[in-house]
Amino acid sequence: TGNFPMDVAFAMVLGANLGGAVPPIMATMKADKA
């Protein structure tokens, strides 16, 4: 859009990378340790 603060956008990318690591952990919560 052109008026979106870039520091907010970069922080969103960081959050997306951090949050993307959580669903696999949630999906394997009941699996064995390996």
Full PDB file with SEQRES, HELIX, SHEET, SSBOND, CRYST1, ORIGX, SCALE, CONECT and MASTER records, all heavy atoms in Angstrom:
SEQRES   1 A   34  THR GLY ASN PHE PRO MET ASP VAL ALA PHE ALA MET VAL          
SEQRES   2 A   34  LEU GLY ALA ASN LEU GLY GLY ALA VAL PRO PRO ILE MET          
SEQRES   3 A   34  ALA THR MET LYS ALA ASP LYS ALA                              
HELIX    1 AA1 MET A    6  GLY A   19  1                                  14    
HELIX    2 AA2 VAL A   22  ALA A   27  1                                   6    
CRYST1    1.000    1.000    1.000  90.00  90.00  90.00 P 1           1          
ORIGX1      1.000000  0.000000  0.000000        0.00000                         
ORIGX2      0.000000  1.000000  0.000000        0.00000                         
ORIGX3      0.000000  0.000000  1.000000        0.00000                         
SCALE1      1.000000  0.000000  0.000000        0.00000                         
SCALE2      0.000000  1.000000  0.000000        0.00000                         
SCALE3      0.000000  0.000000  1.000000        0.00000                         
ATOM      1  N   THR A   1       0.817  -1.212   0.000  1.00  0.00           N  
ATOM      2  CA  THR A   1       0.000   0.000   0.000  1.00  0.00           C  
ATOM      3  C   THR A   1       0.852   1.263   0.000  1.00  0.00           C  
ATOM      4  O   THR A   1       0.393   2.323  -0.391  1.00  0.00           O  
ATOM      5  CB  THR A   1      -0.929   0.023   1.234  1.00  0.00           C  
ATOM      6  OG1 THR A   1      -0.128   0.042   2.426  1.00  0.00           O  
ATOM      7  CG2 THR A   1      -1.825  -1.209   1.250  1.00  0.00           C  
ATOM      8  N   GLY A   2       2.097   1.152   0.481  1.00  0.00           N  
ATOM      9  CA  GLY A   2       3.007   2.284   0.457  1.00  0.00           C  
ATOM     10  C   GLY A   2       3.076   3.060   1.743  1.00  0.00           C  
ATOM     11  O   GLY A   2       4.059   3.736   2.014  1.00  0.00           O  
ATOM     12  N   ASN A   3       2.034   3.025   2.575  1.00  0.00           N  
ATOM     13  CA  ASN A   3       2.009   3.780   3.825  1.00  0.00           C  
ATOM     14  C   ASN A   3       2.160   2.894   5.046  1.00  0.00           C  
ATOM     15  O   ASN A   3       1.876   3.322   6.160  1.00  0.00           O  
ATOM     16  CB  ASN A   3       0.694   4.575   3.951  1.00  0.00           C  
ATOM     17  CG  ASN A   3       0.661   5.767   3.014  1.00  0.00           C  
ATOM     18  OD1 ASN A   3       1.651   6.056   2.356  1.00  0.00           O  
ATOM     19  ND2 ASN A   3      -0.471   6.436   2.945  1.00  0.00           N  
ATOM     20  N   PHE A   4       2.573   1.673   4.856  1.00  0.00           N  
ATOM     21  CA  PHE A   4       2.714   0.730   5.960  1.00  0.00           C  
ATOM     22  C   PHE A   4       4.115   0.871   6.549  1.00  0.00           C  
ATOM     23  O   PHE A   4       5.111   0.776   5.815  1.00  0.00           O  
ATOM     24  CB  PHE A   4       2.504  -0.694   5.455  1.00  0.00           C  
ATOM     25  CG  PHE A   4       2.287  -1.699   6.541  1.00  0.00           C  
ATOM     26  CD1 PHE A   4       1.070  -1.785   7.183  1.00  0.00           C  
ATOM     27  CD2 PHE A   4       3.301  -2.558   6.932  1.00  0.00           C  
ATOM     28  CE1 PHE A   4       0.853  -2.710   8.186  1.00  0.00           C  
ATOM     29  CE2 PHE A   4       3.103  -3.492   7.922  1.00  0.00           C  
ATOM     30  CZ  PHE A   4       1.868  -3.566   8.564  1.00  0.00           C  
ATOM     31  N   PRO A   5       4.252   1.139   7.864  1.00  0.00           N  
ATOM     32  CA  PRO A   5       5.592   1.306   8.458  1.00  0.00           C  
ATOM     33  C   PRO A   5       6.443   0.057   8.261  1.00  0.00           C  
ATOM     34  O   PRO A   5       6.022  -1.052   8.607  1.00  0.00           O  
ATOM     35  CB  PRO A   5       5.286   1.542   9.946  1.00  0.00           C  
ATOM     36  CG  PRO A   5       3.866   1.998   9.991  1.00  0.00           C  
ATOM     37  CD  PRO A   5       3.179   1.315   8.864  1.00  0.00           C  
ATOM     38  N   MET A   6       7.641   0.241   7.717  1.00  0.00           N  
ATOM     39  CA  MET A   6       8.471  -0.910   7.378  1.00  0.00           C  
ATOM     40  C   MET A   6       9.007  -1.619   8.609  1.00  0.00           C  
ATOM     41  O   MET A   6       9.230  -2.832   8.590  1.00  0.00           O  
ATOM     42  CB  MET A   6       9.629  -0.476   6.484  1.00  0.00           C  
ATOM     43  CG  MET A   6       9.190  -0.104   5.064  1.00  0.00           C  
ATOM     44  SD  MET A   6       8.255  -1.420   4.248  1.00  0.00           S  
ATOM     45  CE  MET A   6       9.507  -2.677   4.092  1.00  0.00           C  
ATOM     46  N   ASP A   7       9.207  -0.882   9.724  1.00  0.00           N  
ATOM     47  CA  ASP A   7       9.677  -1.568  10.923  1.00  0.00           C  
ATOM     48  C   ASP A   7       8.613  -2.526  11.453  1.00  0.00           C  
ATOM     49  O   ASP A   7       8.912  -3.610  11.963  1.00  0.00           O  
ATOM     50  CB  ASP A   7      10.100  -0.567  11.998  1.00  0.00           C  
ATOM     51  CG  ASP A   7       8.929   0.279  12.490  1.00  0.00           C  
ATOM     52  OD1 ASP A   7       8.055   0.610  11.662  1.00  0.00           O  
ATOM     53  OD2 ASP A   7       8.886   0.598  13.693  1.00  0.00           O  
ATOM     54  N   VAL A   8       7.330  -2.143  11.298  1.00  0.00           N  
ATOM     55  CA  VAL A   8       6.230  -3.037  11.676  1.00  0.00           C  
ATOM     56  C   VAL A   8       6.202  -4.256  10.753  1.00  0.00           C  
ATOM     57  O   VAL A   8       6.003  -5.391  11.195  1.00  0.00           O  
ATOM     58  CB  VAL A   8       4.881  -2.288  11.635  1.00  0.00           C  
ATOM     59  CG1 VAL A   8       3.727  -3.244  11.926  1.00  0.00           C  
ATOM     60  CG2 VAL A   8       4.875  -1.136  12.634  1.00  0.00           C  
ATOM     61  N   ALA A   9       6.401  -4.010   9.450  1.00  0.00           N  
ATOM     62  CA  ALA A   9       6.388  -5.108   8.482  1.00  0.00           C  
ATOM     63  C   ALA A   9       7.524  -6.096   8.751  1.00  0.00           C  
ATOM     64  O   ALA A   9       7.318  -7.321   8.708  1.00  0.00           O  
ATOM     65  CB  ALA A   9       6.500  -4.544   7.071  1.00  0.00           C  
ATOM     66  N   PHE A  10       8.726  -5.584   9.041  1.00  0.00           N  
ATOM     67  CA  PHE A  10       9.857  -6.476   9.344  1.00  0.00           C  
ATOM     68  C   PHE A  10       9.591  -7.278  10.622  1.00  0.00           C  
ATOM     69  O   PHE A  10       9.925  -8.459  10.709  1.00  0.00           O  
ATOM     70  CB  PHE A  10      11.149  -5.660   9.490  1.00  0.00           C  
ATOM     71  CG  PHE A  10      11.675  -5.125   8.197  1.00  0.00           C  
ATOM     72  CD1 PHE A  10      12.046  -3.795   8.076  1.00  0.00           C  
ATOM     73  CD2 PHE A  10      11.795  -5.950   7.084  1.00  0.00           C  
ATOM     74  CE1 PHE A  10      12.526  -3.293   6.884  1.00  0.00           C  
ATOM     75  CE2 PHE A  10      12.278  -5.454   5.884  1.00  0.00           C  
ATOM     76  CZ  PHE A  10      12.642  -4.117   5.771  1.00  0.00           C  
ATOM     77  N   ALA A  11       8.987  -6.608  11.619  1.00  0.00           N  
ATOM     78  CA  ALA A  11       8.661  -7.315  12.863  1.00  0.00           C  
ATOM     79  C   ALA A  11       7.620  -8.402  12.611  1.00  0.00           C  
ATOM     80  O   ALA A  11       7.655  -9.472  13.235  1.00  0.00           O  
ATOM     81  CB  ALA A  11       8.163  -6.322  13.913  1.00  0.00           C  
ATOM     82  N   MET A  12       6.673  -8.142  11.676  1.00  0.00           N  
ATOM     83  CA  MET A  12       5.686  -9.163  11.333  1.00  0.00           C  
ATOM     84  C   MET A  12       6.356 -10.386  10.715  1.00  0.00           C  
ATOM     85  O   MET A  12       5.978 -11.536  10.987  1.00  0.00           O  
ATOM     86  CB  MET A  12       4.644  -8.590  10.361  1.00  0.00           C  
ATOM     87  CG  MET A  12       3.628  -7.673  11.001  1.00  0.00           C  
ATOM     88  SD  MET A  12       2.336  -7.170   9.827  1.00  0.00           S  
ATOM     89  CE  MET A  12       1.491  -8.731   9.567  1.00  0.00           C  
ATOM     90  N   VAL A  13       7.363 -10.166   9.878  1.00  0.00           N  
ATOM     91  CA  VAL A  13       8.097 -11.285   9.278  1.00  0.00           C  
ATOM     92  C   VAL A  13       8.822 -12.088  10.354  1.00  0.00           C  
ATOM     93  O   VAL A  13       8.835 -13.321  10.335  1.00  0.00           O  
ATOM     94  CB  VAL A  13       9.085 -10.770   8.214  1.00  0.00           C  
ATOM     95  CG1 VAL A  13       9.991 -11.903   7.716  1.00  0.00           C  
ATOM     96  CG2 VAL A  13       8.327 -10.164   7.041  1.00  0.00           C  
ATOM     97  N   LEU A  14       9.412 -11.368  11.325  1.00  0.00           N  
ATOM     98  CA  LEU A  14      10.057 -12.071  12.442  1.00  0.00           C  
ATOM     99  C   LEU A  14       9.042 -12.905  13.216  1.00  0.00           C  
ATOM    100  O   LEU A  14       9.297 -14.059  13.573  1.00  0.00           O  
ATOM    101  CB  LEU A  14      10.732 -11.058  13.375  1.00  0.00           C  
ATOM    102  CG  LEU A  14      11.981 -10.345  12.844  1.00  0.00           C  
ATOM    103  CD1 LEU A  14      12.473  -9.315  13.858  1.00  0.00           C  
ATOM    104  CD2 LEU A  14      13.091 -11.348  12.564  1.00  0.00           C  
ATOM    105  N   GLY A  15       7.877 -12.317  13.479  1.00  0.00           N  
ATOM    106  CA  GLY A  15       6.838 -13.048  14.202  1.00  0.00           C  
ATOM    107  C   GLY A  15       6.338 -14.248  13.424  1.00  0.00           C  
ATOM    108  O   GLY A  15       6.049 -15.303  14.000  1.00  0.00           O  
ATOM    109  N   ALA A  16       6.235 -14.103  12.091  1.00  0.00           N  
ATOM    110  CA  ALA A  16       5.810 -15.228  11.257  1.00  0.00           C  
ATOM    111  C   ALA A  16       6.812 -16.368  11.331  1.00  0.00           C  
ATOM    112  O   ALA A  16       6.430 -17.550  11.397  1.00  0.00           O  
ATOM    113  CB  ALA A  16       5.644 -14.770   9.808  1.00  0.00           C  
ATOM    114  N   ASN A  17       8.093 -16.044  11.355  1.00  0.00           N  
ATOM    115  CA  ASN A  17       9.118 -17.088  11.464  1.00  0.00           C  
ATOM    116  C   ASN A  17       9.084 -17.775  12.816  1.00  0.00           C  
ATOM    117  O   ASN A  17       9.268 -18.991  12.911  1.00  0.00           O  
ATOM    118  CB  ASN A  17      10.505 -16.483  11.206  1.00  0.00           C  
ATOM    119  CG  ASN A  17      10.811 -16.345   9.733  1.00  0.00           C  
ATOM    120  OD1 ASN A  17      11.321 -17.251   9.097  1.00  0.00           O  
ATOM    121  ND2 ASN A  17      10.480 -15.176   9.177  1.00  0.00           N  
ATOM    122  N   LEU A  18       8.856 -16.998  13.865  1.00  0.00           N  
ATOM    123  CA  LEU A  18       8.778 -17.593  15.194  1.00  0.00           C  
ATOM    124  C   LEU A  18       7.515 -18.444  15.339  1.00  0.00           C  
ATOM    125  O   LEU A  18       7.556 -19.589  15.808  1.00  0.00           O  
ATOM    126  CB  LEU A  18       8.802 -16.495  16.256  1.00  0.00           C  
ATOM    127  CG  LEU A  18       8.710 -16.958  17.711  1.00  0.00           C  
ATOM    128  CD1 LEU A  18       9.878 -17.890  18.052  1.00  0.00           C  
ATOM    129  CD2 LEU A  18       8.694 -15.756  18.655  1.00  0.00           C  
ATOM    130  N   GLY A  19       6.384 -17.886  14.939  1.00  0.00           N  
ATOM    131  CA  GLY A  19       5.124 -18.616  15.053  1.00  0.00           C  
ATOM    132  C   GLY A  19       5.070 -19.857  14.180  1.00  0.00           C  
ATOM    133  O   GLY A  19       4.416 -20.845  14.530  1.00  0.00           O  
ATOM    134  N   GLY A  20       5.782 -19.839  13.044  1.00  0.00           N  
ATOM    135  CA  GLY A  20       5.773 -20.997  12.147  1.00  0.00           C  
ATOM    136  C   GLY A  20       6.420 -22.226  12.737  1.00  0.00           C  
ATOM    137  O   GLY A  20       6.198 -23.346  12.247  1.00  0.00           O  
ATOM    138  N   ALA A  21       7.225 -22.058  13.788  1.00  0.00           N  
ATOM    139  CA  ALA A  21       7.875 -23.214  14.425  1.00  0.00           C  
ATOM    140  C   ALA A  21       6.974 -23.894  15.439  1.00  0.00           C  
ATOM    141  O   ALA A  21       7.279 -25.003  15.885  1.00  0.00           O  
ATOM    142  CB  ALA A  21       9.171 -22.763  15.106  1.00  0.00           C  
ATOM    143  N   VAL A  22       5.847 -23.251  15.786  1.00  0.00           N  
ATOM    144  CA  VAL A  22       4.990 -23.791  16.849  1.00  0.00           C  
ATOM    145  C   VAL A  22       4.015 -24.866  16.361  1.00  0.00           C  
ATOM    146  O   VAL A  22       3.842 -25.894  17.034  1.00  0.00           O  
ATOM    147  CB  VAL A  22       4.236 -22.649  17.557  1.00  0.00           C  
ATOM    148  CG1 VAL A  22       3.285 -23.193  18.615  1.00  0.00           C  
ATOM    149  CG2 VAL A  22       5.237 -21.686  18.192  1.00  0.00           C  
ATOM    150  N   PRO A  23       3.327 -24.700  15.204  1.00  0.00           N  
ATOM    151  CA  PRO A  23       2.367 -25.734  14.773  1.00  0.00           C  
ATOM    152  C   PRO A  23       2.939 -27.152  14.700  1.00  0.00           C  
ATOM    153  O   PRO A  23       2.250 -28.094  15.123  1.00  0.00           O  
ATOM    154  CB  PRO A  23       1.916 -25.235  13.389  1.00  0.00           C  
ATOM    155  CG  PRO A  23       2.026 -23.758  13.490  1.00  0.00           C  
ATOM    156  CD  PRO A  23       3.260 -23.520  14.314  1.00  0.00           C  
ATOM    157  N   PRO A  24       4.180 -27.378  14.186  1.00  0.00           N  
ATOM    158  CA  PRO A  24       4.704 -28.747  14.212  1.00  0.00           C  
ATOM    159  C   PRO A  24       4.849 -29.305  15.630  1.00  0.00           C  
ATOM    160  O   PRO A  24       4.660 -30.503  15.845  1.00  0.00           O  
ATOM    161  CB  PRO A  24       6.084 -28.617  13.541  1.00  0.00           C  
ATOM    162  CG  PRO A  24       5.974 -27.402  12.688  1.00  0.00           C  
ATOM    163  CD  PRO A  24       5.081 -26.467  13.450  1.00  0.00           C  
ATOM    164  N   ILE A  25       5.184 -28.445  16.584  1.00  0.00           N  
ATOM    165  CA  ILE A  25       5.294 -28.906  17.974  1.00  0.00           C  
ATOM    166  C   ILE A  25       3.918 -29.277  18.512  1.00  0.00           C  
ATOM    167  O   ILE A  25       3.744 -30.306  19.173  1.00  0.00           O  
ATOM    168  CB  ILE A  25       5.951 -27.819  18.845  1.00  0.00           C  
ATOM    169  CG1 ILE A  25       7.422 -27.664  18.450  1.00  0.00           C  
ATOM    170  CG2 ILE A  25       5.833 -28.149  20.321  1.00  0.00           C  
ATOM    171  CD1 ILE A  25       8.160 -26.600  19.221  1.00  0.00           C  
ATOM    172  N   MET A  26       2.920 -28.460  18.204  1.00  0.00           N  
ATOM    173  CA  MET A  26       1.557 -28.754  18.650  1.00  0.00           C  
ATOM    174  C   MET A  26       1.039 -30.045  18.011  1.00  0.00           C  
ATOM    175  O   MET A  26       0.346 -30.836  18.661  1.00  0.00           O  
ATOM    176  CB  MET A  26       0.636 -27.579  18.307  1.00  0.00           C  
ATOM    177  CG  MET A  26       0.974 -26.285  19.031  1.00  0.00           C  
ATOM    178  SD  MET A  26       0.050 -24.858  18.395  1.00  0.00           S  
ATOM    179  CE  MET A  26      -1.631 -25.357  18.708  1.00  0.00           C  
ATOM    180  N   ALA A  27       1.378 -30.242  16.730  1.00  0.00           N  
ATOM    181  CA  ALA A  27       0.879 -31.426  16.010  1.00  0.00           C  
ATOM    182  C   ALA A  27       1.513 -32.719  16.500  1.00  0.00           C  
ATOM    183  O   ALA A  27       0.948 -33.793  16.307  1.00  0.00           O  
ATOM    184  CB  ALA A  27       1.132 -31.262  14.514  1.00  0.00           C  
ATOM    185  N   THR A  28       2.682 -32.626  17.125  1.00  0.00           N  
ATOM    186  CA  THR A  28       3.383 -33.838  17.578  1.00  0.00           C  
ATOM    187  C   THR A  28       3.389 -33.974  19.099  1.00  0.00           C  
ATOM    188  O   THR A  28       4.165 -34.761  19.642  1.00  0.00           O  
ATOM    189  CB  THR A  28       4.841 -33.839  17.068  1.00  0.00           C  
ATOM    190  OG1 THR A  28       5.504 -32.634  17.509  1.00  0.00           O  
ATOM    191  CG2 THR A  28       4.890 -33.910  15.557  1.00  0.00           C  
ATOM    192  N   MET A  29       2.518 -33.230  19.779  1.00  0.00           N  
ATOM    193  CA  MET A  29       2.514 -33.253  21.239  1.00  0.00           C  
ATOM    194  C   MET A  29       2.286 -34.652  21.803  1.00  0.00           C  
ATOM    195  O   MET A  29       2.858 -35.030  22.820  1.00  0.00           O  
ATOM    196  CB  MET A  29       1.431 -32.303  21.772  1.00  0.00           C  
ATOM    197  CG  MET A  29       1.823 -30.829  21.710  1.00  0.00           C  
ATOM    198  SD  MET A  29       3.231 -30.434  22.775  1.00  0.00           S  
ATOM    199  CE  MET A  29       2.469 -30.614  24.380  1.00  0.00           C  
ATOM    200  N   LYS A  30       1.445 -35.459  21.125  1.00  0.00           N  
ATOM    201  CA  LYS A  30       1.113 -36.787  21.623  1.00  0.00           C  
ATOM    202  C   LYS A  30       1.995 -37.875  21.009  1.00  0.00           C  
ATOM    203  O   LYS A  30       1.812 -39.052  21.314  1.00  0.00           O  
ATOM    204  CB  LYS A  30      -0.357 -37.101  21.347  1.00  0.00           C  
ATOM    205  CG  LYS A  30      -1.313 -36.215  22.137  1.00  0.00           C  
ATOM    206  CD  LYS A  30      -2.761 -36.645  21.928  1.00  0.00           C  
ATOM    207  CE  LYS A  30      -3.707 -35.794  22.756  1.00  0.00           C  
ATOM    208  NZ  LYS A  30      -5.134 -36.205  22.568  1.00  0.00           N  
ATOM    209  N   ALA A  31       2.917 -37.475  20.145  1.00  0.00           N  
ATOM    210  CA  ALA A  31       3.821 -38.454  19.542  1.00  0.00           C  
ATOM    211  C   ALA A  31       4.919 -38.817  20.541  1.00  0.00           C  
ATOM    212  O   ALA A  31       5.031 -38.210  21.613  1.00  0.00           O  
ATOM    213  CB  ALA A  31       4.422 -37.897  18.256  1.00  0.00           C  
ATOM    214  N   ASP A  32       5.720 -39.827  20.179  1.00  0.00           N  
ATOM    215  CA  ASP A  32       6.793 -40.207  21.097  1.00  0.00           C  
ATOM    216  C   ASP A  32       7.920 -39.175  21.046  1.00  0.00           C  
ATOM    217  O   ASP A  32       7.918 -38.257  20.223  1.00  0.00           O  
ATOM    218  CB  ASP A  32       7.312 -41.615  20.784  1.00  0.00           C  
ATOM    219  CG  ASP A  32       7.865 -41.730  19.374  1.00  0.00           C  
ATOM    220  OD1 ASP A  32       7.972 -40.688  18.707  1.00  0.00           O  
ATOM    221  OD2 ASP A  32       8.193 -42.850  18.951  1.00  0.00           O  
ATOM    222  N   LYS A  33       8.876 -39.321  21.939  1.00  0.00           N  
ATOM    223  CA  LYS A  33       9.908 -38.299  22.130  1.00  0.00           C  
ATOM    224  C   LYS A  33      10.751 -38.088  20.865  1.00  0.00           C  
ATOM    225  O   LYS A  33      11.104 -36.957  20.533  1.00  0.00           O  
ATOM    226  CB  LYS A  33      10.821 -38.697  23.293  1.00  0.00           C  
ATOM    227  CG  LYS A  33      10.088 -38.956  24.608  1.00  0.00           C  
ATOM    228  CD  LYS A  33       9.485 -37.703  25.182  1.00  0.00           C  
ATOM    229  CE  LYS A  33       8.787 -37.972  26.508  1.00  0.00           C  
ATOM    230  NZ  LYS A  33       9.668 -38.415  27.582  1.00  0.00           N  
ATOM    231  N   ALA A  34      11.073 -39.173  20.162  1.00  0.00           N  
ATOM    232  CA  ALA A  34      11.920 -39.061  18.968  1.00  0.00           C  
ATOM    233  C   ALA A  34      11.262 -38.194  17.902  1.00  0.00           C  
ATOM    234  O   ALA A  34      11.929 -37.411  17.214  1.00  0.00           O  
ATOM    235  CB  ALA A  34      12.228 -40.448  18.409  1.00  0.00           C  
TER     236      ALA A  34                                                      
MASTER        0    0    0    2    0    0    0    6  235    1    0    3          
END                                                                             
